[in-house]
């Protein structure tokens, strides 16, 4: 099945499970109807306002990258890191443990 348009999935039944969808993405689905006489139809029609669409849930953010610490003085350190992909779920705060 194409990531960018219509594709053939080989489905011959009235239900089908689609796997490996990415988090926080909008997907639109449609059907190509192929009849025994080799004619076909499409649902929804091209340009139709009737669409079958769903959005997947966001996923948990990925762990930060490049965690570094710097000694300041006494028992003081600073931490630095590079935020990673939030996967559609904005990071509000980081909790530090020592």
PDB file of N, CA and C in Angstrom:
ATOM      1  N   UNK A   1       0.867  -1.173   0.000  1.00  0.00           N
ATOM      2  CA  UNK A   1       0.000   0.000   0.000  1.00  0.00           C
ATOM      3  C   UNK A   1       0.901   1.219   0.000  1.00  0.00           C
ATOM      4  N   UNK A   2       0.620   2.144  -0.831  1.00  0.00           N
ATOM      5  CA  UNK A   2       1.437   3.345  -0.956  1.00  0.00           C
ATOM      6  C   UNK A   2       1.241   4.264   0.243  1.00  0.00           C
ATOM      7  N   UNK A   3       2.314   4.944   0.647  1.00  0.00           N
ATOM      8  CA  UNK A   3       2.209   5.931   1.722  1.00  0.00           C
ATOM      9  C   UNK A   3       1.583   7.223   1.225  1.00  0.00           C
ATOM     10  N   UNK A   4       1.531   7.424  -0.082  1.00  0.00           N
ATOM     11  CA  UNK A   4       1.131   8.721  -0.626  1.00  0.00           C
ATOM     12  C   UNK A   4      -0.095   8.675  -1.528  1.00  0.00           C
ATOM     13  N   UNK A   5      -0.699   7.556  -1.713  1.00  0.00           N
ATOM     14  CA  UNK A   5      -1.849   7.516  -2.595  1.00  0.00           C
ATOM     15  C   UNK A   5      -2.509   6.156  -2.556  1.00  0.00           C
ATOM     16  N   UNK A   6      -3.261   5.892  -3.587  1.00  0.00           N
ATOM     17  CA  UNK A   6      -3.984   4.634  -3.661  1.00  0.00           C
ATOM     18  C   UNK A   6      -3.004   3.497  -3.890  1.00  0.00           C
ATOM     19  N   UNK A   7      -3.273   2.382  -3.252  1.00  0.00           N
ATOM     20  CA  UNK A   7      -2.440   1.208  -3.430  1.00  0.00           C
ATOM     21  C   UNK A   7      -3.301  -0.037  -3.327  1.00  0.00           C
ATOM     22  N   UNK A   8      -2.769  -1.155  -3.727  1.00  0.00           N
ATOM     23  CA  UNK A   8      -3.494  -2.417  -3.702  1.00  0.00           C
ATOM     24  C   UNK A   8      -3.037  -3.195  -2.475  1.00  0.00           C
ATOM     25  N   UNK A   9      -3.971  -3.585  -1.641  1.00  0.00           N
ATOM     26  CA  UNK A   9      -3.619  -4.336  -0.438  1.00  0.00           C
ATOM     27  C   UNK A   9      -3.967  -5.813  -0.568  1.00  0.00           C
ATOM     28  N   UNK A  10      -4.653  -6.209  -1.616  1.00  0.00           N
ATOM     29  CA  UNK A  10      -5.015  -7.609  -1.788  1.00  0.00           C
ATOM     30  C   UNK A  10      -6.145  -8.075  -0.892  1.00  0.00           C
ATOM     31  N   UNK A  11      -6.900  -7.167  -0.319  1.00  0.00           N
ATOM     32  CA  UNK A  11      -7.982  -7.516   0.598  1.00  0.00           C
ATOM     33  C   UNK A  11      -9.165  -8.063  -0.188  1.00  0.00           C
ATOM     34  N   UNK A  12      -9.675  -9.219   0.245  1.00  0.00           N
ATOM     35  CA  UNK A  12     -10.830  -9.820  -0.420  1.00  0.00           C
ATOM     36  C   UNK A  12     -11.999  -9.984   0.541  1.00  0.00           C
ATOM     37  N   UNK A  13     -11.897  -9.396   1.714  1.00  0.00           N
ATOM     38  CA  UNK A  13     -12.927  -9.541   2.731  1.00  0.00           C
ATOM     39  C   UNK A  13     -13.527  -8.181   3.056  1.00  0.00           C
ATOM     40  N   UNK A  14     -14.499  -8.163   3.953  1.00  0.00           N
ATOM     41  CA  UNK A  14     -15.168  -6.901   4.286  1.00  0.00           C
ATOM     42  C   UNK A  14     -14.534  -6.179   5.461  1.00  0.00           C
ATOM     43  N   UNK A  15     -13.409  -6.650   5.932  1.00  0.00           N
ATOM     44  CA  UNK A  15     -12.682  -5.921   6.969  1.00  0.00           C
ATOM     45  C   UNK A  15     -11.193  -6.149   6.768  1.00  0.00           C
ATOM     46  N   UNK A  16     -10.419  -5.231   7.250  1.00  0.00           N
ATOM     47  CA  UNK A  16      -8.974  -5.319   7.074  1.00  0.00           C
ATOM     48  C   UNK A  16      -8.302  -4.495   8.166  1.00  0.00           C
ATOM     49  N   UNK A  17      -7.265  -5.019   8.760  1.00  0.00           N
ATOM     50  CA  UNK A  17      -6.504  -4.303   9.777  1.00  0.00           C
ATOM     51  C   UNK A  17      -5.252  -3.726   9.138  1.00  0.00           C
ATOM     52  N   UNK A  18      -5.052  -2.442   9.342  1.00  0.00           N
ATOM     53  CA  UNK A  18      -3.864  -1.777   8.814  1.00  0.00           C
ATOM     54  C   UNK A  18      -2.911  -1.572   9.980  1.00  0.00           C
ATOM     55  N   UNK A  19      -1.676  -2.012   9.815  1.00  0.00           N
ATOM     56  CA  UNK A  19      -0.694  -1.931  10.894  1.00  0.00           C
ATOM     57  C   UNK A  19       0.423  -0.957  10.522  1.00  0.00           C
ATOM     58  N   UNK A  20       1.296  -0.727  11.447  1.00  0.00           N
ATOM     59  CA  UNK A  20       2.485   0.124  11.265  1.00  0.00           C
ATOM     60  C   UNK A  20       2.142   1.574  10.962  1.00  0.00           C
ATOM     61  N   UNK A  21       1.003   2.052  11.468  1.00  0.00           N
ATOM     62  CA  UNK A  21       0.676   3.466  11.307  1.00  0.00           C
ATOM     63  C   UNK A  21       1.545   4.283  12.254  1.00  0.00           C
ATOM     64  N   UNK A  22       1.903   5.474  11.849  1.00  0.00           N
ATOM     65  CA  UNK A  22       2.752   6.341  12.659  1.00  0.00           C
ATOM     66  C   UNK A  22       1.893   7.181  13.597  1.00  0.00           C
ATOM     67  N   UNK A  23       2.448   7.548  14.765  1.00  0.00           N
ATOM     68  CA  UNK A  23       1.669   8.340  15.718  1.00  0.00           C
ATOM     69  C   UNK A  23       1.400   9.756  15.224  1.00  0.00           C
ATOM     70  N   UNK A  24       0.260  10.282  15.656  1.00  0.00           N
ATOM     71  CA  UNK A  24      -0.122  11.677  15.413  1.00  0.00           C
ATOM     72  C   UNK A  24      -0.132  12.036  13.925  1.00  0.00           C
ATOM     73  N   UNK A  25      -0.675  11.134  13.113  1.00  0.00           N
ATOM     74  CA  UNK A  25      -0.763  11.356  11.672  1.00  0.00           C
ATOM     75  C   UNK A  25      -2.219  11.220  11.225  1.00  0.00           C
ATOM     76  N   UNK A  26      -2.586  11.984  10.217  1.00  0.00           N
ATOM     77  CA  UNK A  26      -3.918  11.881   9.626  1.00  0.00           C
ATOM     78  C   UNK A  26      -3.841  10.909   8.458  1.00  0.00           C
ATOM     79  N   UNK A  27      -4.722   9.935   8.443  1.00  0.00           N
ATOM     80  CA  UNK A  27      -4.799   8.948   7.367  1.00  0.00           C
ATOM     81  C   UNK A  27      -6.171   9.029   6.726  1.00  0.00           C
ATOM     82  N   UNK A  28      -6.200   8.974   5.408  1.00  0.00           N
ATOM     83  CA  UNK A  28      -7.452   8.910   4.658  1.00  0.00           C
ATOM     84  C   UNK A  28      -7.505   7.557   3.968  1.00  0.00           C
ATOM     85  N   UNK A  29      -8.675   6.954   3.997  1.00  0.00           N
ATOM     86  CA  UNK A  29      -8.840   5.619   3.439  1.00  0.00           C
ATOM     87  C   UNK A  29      -9.914   5.627   2.364  1.00  0.00           C
ATOM     88  N   UNK A  30      -9.792   4.725   1.435  1.00  0.00           N
ATOM     89  CA  UNK A  30     -10.788   4.579   0.393  1.00  0.00           C
ATOM     90  C   UNK A  30     -10.748   3.158  -0.155  1.00  0.00           C
ATOM     91  N   UNK A  31     -11.670   2.874  -1.032  1.00  0.00           N
ATOM     92  CA  UNK A  31     -11.768   1.543  -1.625  1.00  0.00           C
ATOM     93  C   UNK A  31     -11.773   1.636  -3.138  1.00  0.00           C
ATOM     94  N   UNK A  32     -11.053   0.740  -3.770  1.00  0.00           N
ATOM     95  CA  UNK A  32     -11.201   0.498  -5.196  1.00  0.00           C
ATOM     96  C   UNK A  32     -12.045  -0.760  -5.311  1.00  0.00           C
ATOM     97  N   UNK A  33     -13.203  -0.651  -5.920  1.00  0.00           N
ATOM     98  CA  UNK A  33     -14.107  -1.788  -6.072  1.00  0.00           C
ATOM     99  C   UNK A  33     -13.879  -2.390  -7.447  1.00  0.00           C
ATOM    100  N   UNK A  34     -13.455  -3.639  -7.489  1.00  0.00           N
ATOM    101  CA  UNK A  34     -13.189  -4.314  -8.758  1.00  0.00           C
ATOM    102  C   UNK A  34     -14.239  -5.408  -8.922  1.00  0.00           C
ATOM    103  N   UNK A  35     -14.982  -5.316 -10.013  1.00  0.00           N
ATOM    104  CA  UNK A  35     -16.086  -6.240 -10.257  1.00  0.00           C
ATOM    105  C   UNK A  35     -15.638  -7.400 -11.142  1.00  0.00           C
ATOM    106  N   UNK A  36     -16.447  -8.469 -11.135  1.00  0.00           N
ATOM    107  CA  UNK A  36     -16.116  -9.662 -11.909  1.00  0.00           C
ATOM    108  C   UNK A  36     -15.983  -9.384 -13.396  1.00  0.00           C
ATOM    109  N   UNK A  37     -16.709  -8.380 -13.909  1.00  0.00           N
ATOM    110  CA  UNK A  37     -16.623  -8.070 -15.341  1.00  0.00           C
ATOM    111  C   UNK A  37     -15.443  -7.136 -15.651  1.00  0.00           C
ATOM    112  N   UNK A  38     -14.503  -7.021 -14.698  1.00  0.00           N
ATOM    113  CA  UNK A  38     -13.275  -6.227 -14.835  1.00  0.00           C
ATOM    114  C   UNK A  38     -13.491  -4.722 -14.832  1.00  0.00           C
ATOM    115  N   UNK A  39     -14.696  -4.265 -14.513  1.00  0.00           N
ATOM    116  CA  UNK A  39     -14.895  -2.828 -14.340  1.00  0.00           C
ATOM    117  C   UNK A  39     -14.571  -2.490 -12.889  1.00  0.00           C
ATOM    118  N   UNK A  40     -14.392  -1.220 -12.629  1.00  0.00           N
ATOM    119  CA  UNK A  40     -14.082  -0.841 -11.257  1.00  0.00           C
ATOM    120  C   UNK A  40     -14.732   0.487 -10.927  1.00  0.00           C
ATOM    121  N   UNK A  41     -14.801   0.736  -9.654  1.00  0.00           N
ATOM    122  CA  UNK A  41     -15.343   1.982  -9.133  1.00  0.00           C
ATOM    123  C   UNK A  41     -14.475   2.359  -7.942  1.00  0.00           C
ATOM    124  N   UNK A  42     -14.646   3.558  -7.498  1.00  0.00           N
ATOM    125  CA  UNK A  42     -13.844   4.055  -6.393  1.00  0.00           C
ATOM    126  C   UNK A  42     -14.766   4.699  -5.358  1.00  0.00           C
ATOM    127  N   UNK A  43     -14.498   4.430  -4.084  1.00  0.00           N
ATOM    128  CA  UNK A  43     -15.241   5.080  -3.021  1.00  0.00           C
ATOM    129  C   UNK A  43     -14.249   5.576  -1.981  1.00  0.00           C
ATOM    130  N   UNK A  44     -14.322   6.816  -1.601  1.00  0.00           N
ATOM    131  CA  UNK A  44     -15.201   7.845  -2.153  1.00  0.00           C
ATOM    132  C   UNK A  44     -14.707   8.303  -3.524  1.00  0.00           C
ATOM    133  N   UNK A  45     -15.599   8.896  -4.270  1.00  0.00           N
ATOM    134  CA  UNK A  45     -15.260   9.401  -5.601  1.00  0.00           C
ATOM    135  C   UNK A  45     -14.201  10.494  -5.479  1.00  0.00           C
ATOM    136  N   UNK A  46     -13.369  10.630  -6.484  1.00  0.00           N
ATOM    137  CA  UNK A  46     -12.365  11.694  -6.495  1.00  0.00           C
ATOM    138  C   UNK A  46     -13.080  13.036  -6.429  1.00  0.00           C
ATOM    139  N   UNK A  47     -12.633  13.894  -5.528  1.00  0.00           N
ATOM    140  CA  UNK A  47     -13.243  15.208  -5.357  1.00  0.00           C
ATOM    141  C   UNK A  47     -14.446  15.215  -4.433  1.00  0.00           C
ATOM    142  N   UNK A  48     -14.862  14.052  -3.958  1.00  0.00           N
ATOM    143  CA  UNK A  48     -16.012  13.962  -3.059  1.00  0.00           C
ATOM    144  C   UNK A  48     -15.656  14.530  -1.690  1.00  0.00           C
ATOM    145  N   UNK A  49     -16.653  15.070  -1.012  1.00  0.00           N
ATOM    146  CA  UNK A  49     -16.448  15.540   0.353  1.00  0.00           C
ATOM    147  C   UNK A  49     -16.637  14.416   1.361  1.00  0.00           C
ATOM    148  N   UNK A  50     -17.101  13.266   0.894  1.00  0.00           N
ATOM    149  CA  UNK A  50     -17.251  12.096   1.759  1.00  0.00           C
ATOM    150  C   UNK A  50     -15.895  11.410   1.854  1.00  0.00           C
ATOM    151  N   UNK A  51     -15.229  11.585   2.969  1.00  0.00           N
ATOM    152  CA  UNK A  51     -13.943  10.926   3.141  1.00  0.00           C
ATOM    153  C   UNK A  51     -13.983  10.062   4.390  1.00  0.00           C
ATOM    154  N   UNK A  52     -13.164   9.067   4.385  1.00  0.00           N
ATOM    155  CA  UNK A  52     -12.998   8.207   5.550  1.00  0.00           C
ATOM    156  C   UNK A  52     -11.607   8.522   6.089  1.00  0.00           C
ATOM    157  N   UNK A  53     -11.553   9.270   7.168  1.00  0.00           N
ATOM    158  CA  UNK A  53     -10.263   9.708   7.697  1.00  0.00           C
ATOM    159  C   UNK A  53     -10.206   9.483   9.198  1.00  0.00           C
ATOM    160  N   UNK A  54      -9.018   9.265   9.688  1.00  0.00           N
ATOM    161  CA  UNK A  54      -8.807   9.166  11.126  1.00  0.00           C
ATOM    162  C   UNK A  54      -7.409   9.671  11.445  1.00  0.00           C
ATOM    163  N   UNK A  55      -7.243  10.090  12.681  1.00  0.00           N
ATOM    164  CA  UNK A  55      -5.933  10.550  13.133  1.00  0.00           C
ATOM    165  C   UNK A  55      -5.480   9.630  14.253  1.00  0.00           C
ATOM    166  N   UNK A  56      -4.255   9.161  14.156  1.00  0.00           N
ATOM    167  CA  UNK A  56      -3.724   8.288  15.194  1.00  0.00           C
ATOM    168  C   UNK A  56      -3.367   9.113  16.427  1.00  0.00           C
ATOM    169  N   UNK A  57      -3.363   8.459  17.566  1.00  0.00           N
ATOM    170  CA  UNK A  57      -3.025   9.129  18.819  1.00  0.00           C
ATOM    171  C   UNK A  57      -1.545   9.504  18.832  1.00  0.00           C
ATOM    172  N   UNK A  58      -1.202  10.576  19.562  1.00  0.00           N
ATOM    173  CA  UNK A  58       0.222  10.875  19.747  1.00  0.00           C
ATOM    174  C   UNK A  58       0.882   9.751  20.539  1.00  0.00           C
ATOM    175  N   UNK A  59       2.181   9.673  20.447  1.00  0.00           N
ATOM    176  CA  UNK A  59       2.945   8.688  21.208  1.00  0.00           C
ATOM    177  C   UNK A  59       3.734   9.431  22.282  1.00  0.00           C
ATOM    178  N   UNK A  60       4.307   8.705  23.216  1.00  0.00           N
ATOM    179  CA  UNK A  60       5.127   9.355  24.237  1.00  0.00           C
ATOM    180  C   UNK A  60       6.353   9.964  23.570  1.00  0.00           C
ATOM    181  N   UNK A  61       6.846  11.073  24.093  1.00  0.00           N
ATOM    182  CA  UNK A  61       8.044  11.680  23.507  1.00  0.00           C
ATOM    183  C   UNK A  61       9.251  10.746  23.603  1.00  0.00           C
ATOM    184  N   UNK A  62      10.162  10.884  22.652  1.00  0.00           N
ATOM    185  CA  UNK A  62      11.410  10.126  22.700  1.00  0.00           C
ATOM    186  C   UNK A  62      12.325  10.718  23.769  1.00  0.00           C
ATOM    187  N   UNK A  63      13.209   9.892  24.290  1.00  0.00           N
ATOM    188  CA  UNK A  63      14.144  10.335  25.337  1.00  0.00           C
ATOM    189  C   UNK A  63      15.066  11.432  24.802  1.00  0.00           C
ATOM    190  N   UNK A  64      15.471  12.354  25.673  1.00  0.00           N
ATOM    191  CA  UNK A  64      16.397  13.409  25.245  1.00  0.00           C
ATOM    192  C   UNK A  64      17.713  12.819  24.728  1.00  0.00           C
ATOM    193  N   UNK A  65      18.400  13.599  23.926  1.00  0.00           N
ATOM    194  CA  UNK A  65      19.681  13.186  23.349  1.00  0.00           C
ATOM    195  C   UNK A  65      20.818  13.978  23.990  1.00  0.00           C
ATOM    196  N   UNK A  66      22.013  13.433  23.909  1.00  0.00           N
ATOM    197  CA  UNK A  66      23.244  14.147  24.278  1.00  0.00           C
ATOM    198  C   UNK A  66      23.194  14.749  25.682  1.00  0.00           C
ATOM    199  N   UNK A  67      22.791  13.961  26.662  1.00  0.00           N
ATOM    200  CA  UNK A  67      22.769  14.462  28.042  1.00  0.00           C
ATOM    201  C   UNK A  67      24.207  14.715  28.497  1.00  0.00           C
ATOM    202  N   UNK A  68      24.454  15.926  28.968  1.00  0.00           N
ATOM    203  CA  UNK A  68      25.781  16.326  29.423  1.00  0.00           C
ATOM    204  C   UNK A  68      25.656  17.031  30.771  1.00  0.00           C
ATOM    205  N   UNK A  69      26.677  16.899  31.581  1.00  0.00           N
ATOM    206  CA  UNK A  69      26.697  17.651  32.833  1.00  0.00           C
ATOM    207  C   UNK A  69      27.996  18.442  32.906  1.00  0.00           C
ATOM    208  N   UNK A  70      27.945  19.532  33.629  1.00  0.00           N
ATOM    209  CA  UNK A  70      29.112  20.390  33.820  1.00  0.00           C
ATOM    210  C   UNK A  70      29.232  20.690  35.311  1.00  0.00           C
ATOM    211  N   UNK A  71      30.431  20.494  35.826  1.00  0.00           N
ATOM    212  CA  UNK A  71      30.703  20.808  37.227  1.00  0.00           C
ATOM    213  C   UNK A  71      30.783  22.318  37.376  1.00  0.00           C
ATOM    214  N   UNK A  72      30.095  22.857  38.361  1.00  0.00           N
ATOM    215  CA  UNK A  72      30.135  24.293  38.620  1.00  0.00           C
ATOM    216  C   UNK A  72      31.104  24.555  39.779  1.00  0.00           C
ATOM    217  N   UNK A  73      30.674  24.248  40.983  1.00  0.00           N
ATOM    218  CA  UNK A  73      31.517  24.378  42.178  1.00  0.00           C
ATOM    219  C   UNK A  73      30.844  23.643  43.315  1.00  0.00           C
ATOM    220  N   UNK A  74      31.620  23.244  44.292  1.00  0.00           N
ATOM    221  CA  UNK A  74      31.055  22.531  45.441  1.00  0.00           C
ATOM    222  C   UNK A  74      30.278  21.310  44.971  1.00  0.00           C
ATOM    223  N   UNK A  75      28.996  21.272  45.297  1.00  0.00           N
ATOM    224  CA  UNK A  75      28.149  20.167  44.834  1.00  0.00           C
ATOM    225  C   UNK A  75      27.123  20.659  43.813  1.00  0.00           C
ATOM    226  N   UNK A  76      27.514  21.626  42.988  1.00  0.00           N
ATOM    227  CA  UNK A  76      26.615  22.175  41.964  1.00  0.00           C
ATOM    228  C   UNK A  76      27.059  21.732  40.568  1.00  0.00           C
ATOM    229  N   UNK A  77      26.076  21.277  39.814  1.00  0.00           N
ATOM    230  CA  UNK A  77      26.301  20.864  38.433  1.00  0.00           C
ATOM    231  C   UNK A  77      25.199  21.471  37.573  1.00  0.00           C
ATOM    232  N   UNK A  78      25.466  21.635  36.321  1.00  0.00           N
ATOM    233  CA  UNK A  78      24.405  21.997  35.374  1.00  0.00           C
ATOM    234  C   UNK A  78      24.246  20.841  34.395  1.00  0.00           C
ATOM    235  N   UNK A  79      23.034  20.665  33.934  1.00  0.00           N
ATOM    236  CA  UNK A  79      22.732  19.633  32.943  1.00  0.00           C
ATOM    237  C   UNK A  79      22.311  20.297  31.641  1.00  0.00           C
ATOM    238  N   UNK A  80      22.709  19.683  30.535  1.00  0.00           N
ATOM    239  CA  UNK A  80      22.276  20.127  29.207  1.00  0.00           C
ATOM    240  C   UNK A  80      21.868  18.895  28.412  1.00  0.00           C
ATOM    241  N   UNK A  81      20.925  19.061  27.506  1.00  0.00           N
ATOM    242  CA  UNK A  81      20.513  17.979  26.623  1.00  0.00           C
ATOM    243  C   UNK A  81      19.863  18.572  25.391  1.00  0.00           C
ATOM    244  N   UNK A  82      19.705  17.728  24.405  1.00  0.00           N
ATOM    245  CA  UNK A  82      19.015  18.107  23.178  1.00  0.00           C
ATOM    246  C   UNK A  82      17.658  17.422  23.189  1.00  0.00           C
ATOM    247  N   UNK A  83      16.563  18.182  23.107  1.00  0.00           N
ATOM    248  CA  UNK A  83      15.247  17.534  23.059  1.00  0.00           C
ATOM    249  C   UNK A  83      15.135  16.637  21.823  1.00  0.00           C
ATOM    250  N   UNK A  84      14.427  15.556  21.964  1.00  0.00           N
ATOM    251  CA  UNK A  84      14.187  14.635  20.860  1.00  0.00           C
ATOM    252  C   UNK A  84      12.781  14.876  20.317  1.00  0.00           C
ATOM    253  N   UNK A  85      12.334  14.038  19.412  1.00  0.00           N
ATOM    254  CA  UNK A  85      11.004  14.163  18.809  1.00  0.00           C
ATOM    255  C   UNK A  85       9.930  14.037  19.883  1.00  0.00           C
ATOM    256  N   UNK A  86       8.977  14.972  19.890  1.00  0.00           N
ATOM    257  CA  UNK A  86       7.901  14.900  20.889  1.00  0.00           C
ATOM    258  C   UNK A  86       6.763  13.988  20.445  1.00  0.00           C
ATOM    259  N   UNK A  87       6.805  13.481  19.214  1.00  0.00           N
ATOM    260  CA  UNK A  87       5.800  12.549  18.677  1.00  0.00           C
ATOM    261  C   UNK A  87       4.377  13.069  18.822  1.00  0.00           C
ATOM    262  N   UNK A  88       4.228  14.390  18.742  1.00  0.00           N
ATOM    263  CA  UNK A  88       2.895  14.976  18.775  1.00  0.00           C
ATOM    264  C   UNK A  88       2.356  15.240  20.165  1.00  0.00           C
ATOM    265  N   UNK A  89       3.131  14.933  21.170  1.00  0.00           N
ATOM    266  CA  UNK A  89       2.713  15.170  22.554  1.00  0.00           C
ATOM    267  C   UNK A  89       3.722  16.134  23.168  1.00  0.00           C
ATOM    268  N   UNK A  90       3.428  17.437  23.162  1.00  0.00           N
ATOM    269  CA  UNK A  90       4.414  18.432  23.603  1.00  0.00           C
ATOM    270  C   UNK A  90       4.965  18.146  25.001  1.00  0.00           C
ATOM    271  N   UNK A  91       6.282  18.342  25.145  1.00  0.00           N
ATOM    272  CA  UNK A  91       6.951  18.154  26.430  1.00  0.00           C
ATOM    273  C   UNK A  91       6.732  19.412  27.258  1.00  0.00           C
ATOM    274  N   UNK A  92       6.149  19.260  28.424  1.00  0.00           N
ATOM    275  CA  UNK A  92       5.837  20.398  29.285  1.00  0.00           C
ATOM    276  C   UNK A  92       6.963  20.640  30.285  1.00  0.00           C
ATOM    277  N   UNK A  93       7.534  19.566  30.826  1.00  0.00           N
ATOM    278  CA  UNK A  93       8.580  19.715  31.841  1.00  0.00           C
ATOM    279  C   UNK A  93       9.459  18.472  31.842  1.00  0.00           C
ATOM    280  N   UNK A  94      10.637  18.608  32.396  1.00  0.00           N
ATOM    281  CA  UNK A  94      11.536  17.483  32.626  1.00  0.00           C
ATOM    282  C   UNK A  94      11.700  17.331  34.134  1.00  0.00           C
ATOM    283  N   UNK A  95      11.709  16.114  34.631  1.00  0.00           N
ATOM    284  CA  UNK A  95      11.949  15.839  36.048  1.00  0.00           C
ATOM    285  C   UNK A  95      13.348  15.264  36.193  1.00  0.00           C
ATOM    286  N   UNK A  96      14.145  15.859  37.052  1.00  0.00           N
ATOM    287  CA  UNK A  96      15.513  15.403  37.294  1.00  0.00           C
ATOM    288  C   UNK A  96      15.542  14.529  38.540  1.00  0.00           C
ATOM    289  N   UNK A  97      16.340  13.466  38.488  1.00  0.00           N
ATOM    290  CA  UNK A  97      16.554  12.607  39.655  1.00  0.00           C
ATOM    291  C   UNK A  97      18.043  12.570  39.933  1.00  0.00           C
ATOM    292  N   UNK A  98      18.377  12.524  41.207  1.00  0.00           N
ATOM    293  CA  UNK A  98      19.799  12.417  41.552  1.00  0.00           C
ATOM    294  C   UNK A  98      20.010  11.242  42.483  1.00  0.00           C
TER     295      UNK A  98
END
